């Protein structure tokens, strides 16, 4: 696998450039283990979740949690697959 320093955009003026490192956030029901499942789902698709990149935040009333991770992604198709896989989880309501 390439190191992050080796990942260079082909056209810096364009939007998303693949391969690259991207952050994804999943929001859903609290107390359902999303802080562990989100990185597992991404890794299960064959993508590398960067160590130490996981961040969580609980809603003010504690009903919801957001989990963000940064991962390396080789293509737009894999990026879209990551969002689809997270949204397929019954405890995840939204992804960003």
Protein backbone atom coordinates (compact mmCIF):
# COMPACT_ATOMS: atom_id res chain seq x y z
CA UNK A 1 0.00 0.00 0.00
CA UNK A 2 1.22 3.52 -0.77
CA UNK A 3 2.01 5.90 2.06
CA UNK A 4 -0.11 9.05 2.38
CA UNK A 5 2.88 11.12 1.27
CA UNK A 6 2.85 9.25 -2.07
CA UNK A 7 -0.82 10.03 -2.79
CA UNK A 8 -0.83 13.01 -5.12
CA UNK A 9 -3.86 14.41 -6.98
CA UNK A 10 -3.76 14.15 -10.75
CA UNK A 11 -5.45 17.53 -11.14
CA UNK A 12 -5.26 19.77 -8.02
CA UNK A 13 -7.99 22.12 -9.34
CA UNK A 14 -10.61 19.33 -9.38
CA UNK A 15 -12.78 18.07 -6.51
CA UNK A 16 -12.16 14.63 -5.00
CA UNK A 17 -8.94 13.05 -6.21
CA UNK A 18 -8.42 9.29 -6.09
CA UNK A 19 -6.57 7.59 -4.61
CA UNK A 20 -6.68 9.71 -1.49
CA UNK A 21 -7.48 10.00 2.18
CA UNK A 22 -11.04 11.03 3.05
CA UNK A 23 -13.06 11.62 6.18
CA UNK A 24 -16.48 10.06 6.57
CA UNK A 25 -18.99 10.71 9.35
CA UNK A 26 -21.85 8.44 10.33
CA UNK A 27 -24.60 9.59 12.68
CA UNK A 28 -27.01 7.31 14.42
CA UNK A 29 -28.41 5.87 17.60
CA UNK A 30 -26.22 6.19 20.68
CA UNK A 31 -25.24 3.20 22.81
CA UNK A 32 -25.24 0.79 19.86
CA UNK A 33 -21.47 0.47 19.40
CA UNK A 34 -21.17 2.69 16.33
CA UNK A 35 -17.75 3.90 17.49
CA UNK A 36 -16.49 0.37 16.80
CA UNK A 37 -18.74 -0.60 13.88
CA UNK A 38 -18.01 2.41 11.65
CA UNK A 39 -14.27 1.66 11.30
CA UNK A 40 -15.04 -2.08 11.00
CA UNK A 41 -17.46 -1.47 8.13
CA UNK A 42 -14.89 0.64 6.25
CA UNK A 43 -12.12 -1.89 6.87
CA UNK A 44 -14.47 -4.68 5.77
CA UNK A 45 -14.61 -3.03 2.34
CA UNK A 46 -10.83 -3.38 2.06
CA UNK A 47 -9.94 0.20 2.89
CA UNK A 48 -7.49 1.33 5.54
CA UNK A 49 -8.83 3.42 8.45
CA UNK A 50 -6.02 5.66 9.66
CA UNK A 51 -4.92 4.99 13.24
CA UNK A 52 -6.00 7.68 15.65
CA UNK A 53 -8.45 9.28 13.21
CA UNK A 54 -11.67 8.16 14.96
CA UNK A 55 -13.63 10.96 16.64
CA UNK A 56 -16.97 10.62 18.38
CA UNK A 57 -19.46 13.16 19.60
CA UNK A 58 -22.70 12.51 21.47
CA UNK A 59 -25.76 14.71 20.96
CA UNK A 60 -26.74 17.09 23.75
CA UNK A 61 -29.50 14.79 24.99
CA UNK A 62 -27.48 11.62 24.46
CA UNK A 63 -29.80 9.97 21.95
CA UNK A 64 -27.44 10.14 18.97
CA UNK A 65 -23.72 9.85 18.29
CA UNK A 66 -21.58 10.89 15.35
CA UNK A 67 -18.48 8.90 14.47
CA UNK A 68 -15.88 10.27 12.06
CA UNK A 69 -12.92 8.37 10.64
CA UNK A 70 -10.34 9.08 7.97
CA UNK A 71 -9.61 6.31 5.50
CA UNK A 72 -7.62 5.75 2.33
CA UNK A 73 -9.71 5.14 -0.74
CA UNK A 74 -8.57 4.01 -4.19
CA UNK A 75 -11.61 5.05 -6.27
CA UNK A 76 -14.89 6.94 -6.37
CA UNK A 77 -16.74 3.63 -6.55
CA UNK A 78 -15.17 2.49 -3.26
CA UNK A 79 -15.97 5.88 -1.68
CA UNK A 80 -19.62 5.54 -2.71
CA UNK A 81 -19.61 1.93 -1.45
CA UNK A 82 -18.41 3.14 1.96
CA UNK A 83 -21.37 5.52 2.26
CA UNK A 84 -23.80 2.84 1.07
CA UNK A 85 -22.44 0.24 3.50
CA UNK A 86 -22.72 2.63 6.43
CA UNK A 87 -26.25 3.71 5.48
CA UNK A 88 -27.26 0.03 5.26
CA UNK A 89 -26.58 -0.38 8.99
CA UNK A 90 -29.92 -0.15 10.85
CA UNK A 91 -28.47 2.08 13.60
CA UNK A 92 -26.96 4.64 11.20
CA UNK A 93 -29.31 7.39 10.03
CA UNK A 94 -27.03 9.70 8.01
CA UNK A 95 -23.56 9.88 6.51
CA UNK A 96 -21.49 12.88 5.49
